[in-house]
Amino acid sequence: MDKTEKPAARRVHAYCVGQAKSGTGSLWGVFKDAFRAEHEPLRQELLDQVVRLAGGNVNDAAAIAWLRERDRRLGLELDIAWGNFFVLDHLVATFPEAKFIVLVRDCYTWLNSIVGHLLTREMPGEVRAFMDFWFEPATHPHGPNERGLREAGLYSLAAFLDVWKTHVETCVARIPAERMLLVRTHELARSWDRIAEFLGVDAGLLDRKSGHINCGAWTGRITSLVDERTIEGAVEEVCGETMRRFFPETTRMADAGALYGATRGGA
């Protein structure tokens, strides 16, 4: 496009604030060909801004100005990134016309997936530093039965599960109901018409064949590092109420695989 040419008018303005490993890549795959959609655009720039904002090095006015400038620069119709969660309040207030898709994965398969991701992916130093900011390992030390996690260089169950709970509860509390669509990850593949209706776009434009991108490569199980009983106890203590609210059919770890019609924890 010529630099003097104005970008085409938006057909929709939406953000996905799904958790990491909740299906954000799949959402992008379905929308990327027919819409101006990006998966984790300018990720490091966003994460740097989040840390500066949390540390008081950027005030709210400057953060909002940066979000507006970033929005003009990208011109996206669908901005899909787990990092959007950290500037959620600013996005809701700054773009009152924007809609928000919240992808929520049950905590058991999410835990298995994010552990596998951390074990199989090379983490740049700046990303690891952000994860320490995010998961707060000093606040959530390993429990007595979590030696496997500790020796693998992973965070504690409490750290993982507190992040999971905070993400879900914050999104539901902060996004106006009329501007939010919550989709459970295991129902994503049968929710494309519902998502299109919410966004006000033609469902026929969606590339449903591309709806399973960024699948996990790990074939292991978190139970090789920490036993199932310990995991279930941590879930009950940290996020039991949240799980009962959003996944009432999943009362124990063994139930989670059935959500995906499989015995393992999902991608």
Protein backbone atom coordinates (compact mmCIF):
# COMPACT_ATOMS: atom_id res chain seq x y z
CA MET A 1 0.00 0.00 0.00
CA ASP A 2 1.26 3.51 -0.85
CA LYS A 3 2.35 5.40 2.27
CA THR A 4 -0.06 8.23 1.44
CA GLU A 5 -2.98 5.85 1.01
CA LYS A 6 -5.38 5.66 3.92
CA PRO A 7 -6.08 2.16 5.27
CA ALA A 8 -9.46 0.69 4.41
CA ALA A 9 -12.22 1.43 6.88
CA ARG A 10 -12.56 -1.12 9.64
CA ARG A 11 -15.39 -3.57 9.33
CA VAL A 12 -14.91 -4.47 12.97
CA HIS A 13 -12.65 -3.39 15.82
CA ALA A 14 -12.01 -6.20 18.26
CA TYR A 15 -9.45 -7.52 20.70
CA CYS A 16 -8.92 -11.06 21.85
CA VAL A 17 -7.73 -11.21 25.44
CA GLY A 18 -7.52 -14.97 25.67
CA GLN A 19 -4.98 -16.56 27.95
CA ALA A 20 -1.72 -17.84 26.53
CA LYS A 21 -2.38 -21.39 25.23
CA SER A 22 -6.13 -20.83 25.09
CA GLY A 23 -6.61 -20.95 21.31
CA THR A 24 -5.50 -17.47 20.27
CA GLY A 25 -3.47 -18.93 17.40
CA SER A 26 -6.51 -20.82 16.15
CA LEU A 27 -8.64 -17.68 16.26
CA TRP A 28 -6.04 -15.84 14.22
CA GLY A 29 -5.86 -18.70 11.71
CA VAL A 30 -9.57 -18.48 11.00
CA PHE A 31 -9.62 -14.68 10.59
CA LYS A 32 -6.23 -13.86 9.06
CA ASP A 33 -7.04 -14.25 5.36
CA ALA A 34 -10.22 -12.17 5.20
CA PHE A 35 -9.55 -9.61 7.93
CA ARG A 36 -6.71 -7.40 9.10
CA ALA A 37 -5.86 -9.70 11.98
CA GLU A 38 -2.55 -10.24 13.75
CA HIS A 39 -1.43 -12.68 16.42
CA GLU A 40 0.65 -11.03 19.14
CA PRO A 41 1.55 -7.91 17.11
CA LEU A 42 4.52 -5.93 18.44
CA ARG A 43 4.63 -8.27 21.40
CA GLN A 44 7.87 -7.12 22.98
CA GLU A 45 6.91 -3.47 22.64
CA LEU A 46 3.64 -4.21 24.42
CA LEU A 47 5.28 -6.19 27.21
CA ASP A 48 7.88 -3.48 27.76
CA GLN A 49 5.09 -0.93 28.08
CA VAL A 50 3.25 -3.15 30.57
CA VAL A 51 6.29 -3.43 32.83
CA ARG A 52 6.94 0.31 32.66
CA LEU A 53 3.30 1.04 33.49
CA ALA A 54 3.31 -1.37 36.44
CA GLY A 55 6.54 0.16 37.72
CA GLY A 56 5.18 3.70 37.62
CA ASN A 57 7.55 4.76 34.84
CA VAL A 58 4.60 5.55 32.55
CA ASN A 59 1.42 7.28 33.68
CA ASP A 60 -2.06 6.43 32.45
CA ALA A 61 -2.21 9.36 30.03
CA ALA A 62 1.04 8.31 28.37
CA ALA A 63 -0.11 4.70 28.18
CA ILE A 64 -3.36 5.72 26.50
CA ALA A 65 -1.49 7.94 24.04
CA TRP A 66 0.78 5.02 23.22
CA LEU A 67 -2.19 2.69 22.67
CA ARG A 68 -3.81 5.20 20.32
CA GLU A 69 -0.59 5.61 18.35
CA ARG A 70 -0.10 1.85 18.21
CA ASP A 71 -3.66 1.40 16.99
CA ARG A 72 -3.14 3.95 14.21
CA ARG A 73 0.12 2.28 13.24
CA LEU A 74 -1.35 -1.23 13.05
CA GLY A 75 -4.86 -0.44 11.81
CA LEU A 76 -6.07 -3.89 12.82
CA GLU A 77 -9.60 -5.21 12.77
CA LEU A 78 -8.72 -8.03 15.15
CA ASP A 79 -5.80 -7.77 17.59
CA ILE A 80 -5.23 -11.20 19.14
CA ALA A 81 -2.75 -11.37 22.00
CA TRP A 82 -2.58 -12.66 25.56
CA GLY A 83 -0.60 -9.51 26.36
CA ASN A 84 -3.70 -7.40 25.77
CA PHE A 85 -4.89 -8.55 29.18
CA PHE A 86 -2.33 -6.36 30.93
CA VAL A 87 -3.70 -3.18 29.35
CA LEU A 88 -7.32 -4.31 29.44
CA ASP A 89 -8.68 -1.36 31.42
CA HIS A 90 -7.00 1.09 29.07
CA LEU A 91 -8.27 -0.71 25.96
CA VAL A 92 -11.85 -0.79 27.26
CA ALA A 93 -11.80 2.94 28.08
CA THR A 94 -9.78 4.16 25.10
CA PHE A 95 -11.73 2.33 22.38
CA PRO A 96 -15.39 2.40 23.47
CA GLU A 97 -16.53 0.90 20.16
CA ALA A 98 -14.22 -2.12 20.44
CA LYS A 99 -15.46 -5.61 21.23
CA PHE A 100 -13.60 -8.22 23.24
CA ILE A 101 -13.34 -11.98 22.80
CA VAL A 102 -12.28 -13.78 25.97
CA LEU A 103 -11.00 -17.31 25.38
CA VAL A 104 -11.01 -19.39 28.55
CA ARG A 105 -9.46 -22.82 28.83
CA ASP A 106 -10.08 -25.10 31.79
CA CYS A 107 -7.22 -24.83 34.26
CA TYR A 108 -6.20 -28.49 34.02
CA THR A 109 -5.51 -28.70 30.28
CA TRP A 110 -4.21 -25.12 30.34
CA LEU A 111 -1.71 -26.07 33.04
CA ASN A 112 -0.59 -29.11 31.06
CA SER A 113 -0.25 -27.05 27.89
CA ILE A 114 1.65 -24.10 29.33
CA VAL A 115 4.04 -26.41 31.19
CA GLY A 116 4.70 -28.25 27.93
CA HIS A 117 5.22 -24.94 26.15
CA LEU A 118 7.78 -23.79 28.69
CA LEU A 119 9.62 -27.11 28.56
CA THR A 120 9.86 -27.29 24.76
CA ARG A 121 10.36 -23.67 23.66
CA GLU A 122 13.49 -21.56 23.86
CA MET A 123 12.61 -18.50 25.94
CA PRO A 124 14.39 -15.23 25.10
CA GLY A 125 15.77 -13.51 28.19
CA GLU A 126 13.34 -10.61 27.96
CA VAL A 127 10.36 -12.97 27.76
CA ARG A 128 11.58 -14.92 30.78
CA ALA A 129 11.99 -11.67 32.70
CA PHE A 130 8.41 -10.74 31.88
CA MET A 131 7.19 -14.16 32.98
CA ASP A 132 8.83 -13.68 36.37
CA PHE A 133 6.98 -10.35 36.60
CA TRP A 134 3.77 -12.13 35.58
CA PHE A 135 3.96 -15.30 37.69
CA GLU A 136 5.57 -13.73 40.78
CA PRO A 137 7.60 -16.74 41.93
CA ALA A 138 8.68 -14.99 45.14
CA THR A 139 5.02 -14.66 46.14
CA HIS A 140 4.18 -18.25 45.19
CA PRO A 141 6.93 -20.64 46.36
CA HIS A 142 6.83 -24.32 45.48
CA GLY A 143 4.90 -26.62 47.76
CA PRO A 144 6.45 -29.70 49.43
CA ASN A 145 5.20 -32.04 46.67
CA GLU A 146 6.36 -29.85 43.76
CA ARG A 147 10.00 -30.85 43.56
CA GLY A 148 9.58 -31.95 39.94
CA LEU A 149 8.37 -28.50 38.91
CA ARG A 150 11.15 -26.78 40.80
CA GLU A 151 13.89 -28.98 39.34
CA ALA A 152 12.50 -28.42 35.83
CA GLY A 153 12.81 -24.66 36.33
CA LEU A 154 9.04 -24.18 36.33
CA TYR A 155 6.82 -22.04 38.52
CA SER A 156 4.75 -23.45 41.36
CA LEU A 157 1.19 -24.69 40.94
CA ALA A 158 -0.04 -21.71 42.97
CA ALA A 159 1.76 -19.30 40.63
CA PHE A 160 0.28 -20.86 37.49
CA LEU A 161 -3.23 -21.19 38.90
CA ASP A 162 -3.35 -17.71 40.40
CA VAL A 163 -2.47 -16.27 36.99
CA TRP A 164 -5.20 -18.41 35.41
CA LYS A 165 -7.84 -17.30 37.92
CA THR A 166 -6.87 -13.63 37.82
CA HIS A 167 -7.10 -13.55 34.04
CA VAL A 168 -10.59 -15.04 33.89
CA GLU A 169 -12.08 -13.10 36.79
CA THR A 170 -10.57 -9.78 35.73
CA CYS A 171 -11.83 -10.03 32.15
CA VAL A 172 -15.36 -10.84 33.26
CA ALA A 173 -15.38 -8.06 35.86
CA ARG A 174 -13.82 -5.30 33.74
CA ILE A 175 -15.30 -5.74 30.26
CA PRO A 176 -18.90 -4.51 29.86
CA ALA A 177 -21.14 -7.51 29.22
CA GLU A 178 -22.52 -6.11 25.96
CA ARG A 179 -18.99 -5.78 24.56
CA MET A 180 -17.69 -9.20 25.63
CA LEU A 181 -18.02 -12.71 24.24
CA LEU A 182 -16.61 -15.48 26.42
CA VAL A 183 -15.77 -18.69 24.57
CA ARG A 184 -14.52 -21.81 26.29
CA THR A 185 -11.54 -23.19 24.39
CA HIS A 186 -12.92 -26.70 23.96
CA GLU A 187 -16.00 -25.16 22.30
CA LEU A 188 -14.06 -22.87 19.96
CA ALA A 189 -14.28 -25.12 16.89
CA ARG A 190 -18.09 -25.03 17.03
CA SER A 191 -18.34 -21.34 17.94
CA TRP A 192 -17.30 -19.63 14.69
CA ASP A 193 -20.86 -18.62 13.75
CA ARG A 194 -21.41 -17.27 17.25
CA ILE A 195 -18.18 -15.28 17.08
CA ALA A 196 -19.03 -13.88 13.65
CA GLU A 197 -22.48 -12.83 14.87
CA PHE A 198 -20.97 -11.11 17.91
CA LEU A 199 -18.51 -9.21 15.72
CA GLY A 200 -21.14 -8.39 13.11
CA VAL A 201 -19.21 -9.95 10.23
CA ASP A 202 -20.06 -12.45 7.50
CA ALA A 203 -19.43 -15.95 8.84
CA GLY A 204 -18.82 -17.12 5.28
CA LEU A 205 -15.53 -15.21 5.24
CA LEU A 206 -13.98 -17.31 7.99
CA ASP A 207 -11.38 -19.93 7.06
CA ARG A 208 -12.52 -22.65 9.41
CA LYS A 209 -9.99 -25.16 8.06
CA SER A 210 -7.21 -23.08 9.63
CA GLY A 211 -8.67 -23.25 13.10
CA HIS A 212 -6.00 -25.30 14.83
CA ILE A 213 -2.73 -23.37 14.71
CA ASN A 214 0.14 -23.29 17.22
CA CYS A 215 -0.59 -26.72 18.68
CA GLY A 216 1.65 -27.82 21.49
CA ALA A 217 4.58 -30.09 20.63
CA TRP A 218 4.89 -31.64 24.09
CA THR A 219 3.54 -35.17 24.33
CA GLY A 220 4.18 -35.50 28.06
CA ARG A 221 1.96 -34.92 31.04
CA ILE A 222 2.35 -32.56 33.96
CA THR A 223 1.67 -35.58 36.17
CA SER A 224 5.20 -36.76 35.35
CA LEU A 225 6.38 -33.78 37.44
CA VAL A 226 3.73 -33.51 40.15
CA ASP A 227 1.04 -35.99 41.16
CA GLU A 228 -2.60 -35.61 40.26
CA ARG A 229 -3.80 -35.40 43.85
CA THR A 230 -1.47 -32.46 44.53
CA ILE A 231 -2.70 -30.69 41.39
CA GLU A 232 -6.35 -31.17 42.32
CA GLY A 233 -5.68 -29.88 45.82
CA ALA A 234 -3.99 -26.76 44.45
CA VAL A 235 -6.85 -26.16 42.02
CA GLU A 236 -9.41 -26.35 44.82
CA GLU A 237 -7.41 -24.00 47.02
CA VAL A 238 -6.49 -21.39 44.41
CA CYS A 239 -9.25 -21.39 41.81
CA GLY A 240 -11.88 -23.93 42.77
CA GLU A 241 -14.72 -21.39 42.79
CA THR A 242 -13.71 -20.04 39.39
CA MET A 243 -13.60 -23.53 37.90
CA ARG A 244 -17.05 -24.33 39.28
CA ARG A 245 -18.38 -21.13 37.77
CA PHE A 246 -17.00 -21.61 34.26
CA PHE A 247 -16.41 -25.38 34.05
CA PRO A 248 -19.01 -27.00 36.30
CA GLU A 249 -18.66 -30.29 34.44
CA THR A 250 -14.98 -30.55 35.40
CA THR A 251 -14.80 -31.51 39.06
CA ARG A 252 -11.45 -33.31 38.88
CA MET A 253 -8.45 -33.60 36.60
CA ALA A 254 -9.72 -36.74 34.87
CA ASP A 255 -12.80 -34.84 33.67
CA ALA A 256 -10.79 -32.29 31.70
CA GLY A 257 -9.68 -34.56 28.87
CA ALA A 258 -13.31 -35.45 28.14
CA LEU A 259 -13.97 -31.81 27.23
CA TYR A 260 -11.86 -32.40 24.13
CA GLY A 261 -13.05 -35.94 23.50
CA ALA A 262 -9.59 -37.20 24.44
CA THR A 263 -7.75 -38.71 27.35
CA ARG A 264 -4.82 -36.29 27.29
CA GLY A 265 -4.83 -32.66 28.24
CA GLY A 266 -5.28 -31.00 24.85
CA ALA A 267 -2.92 -28.96 22.67
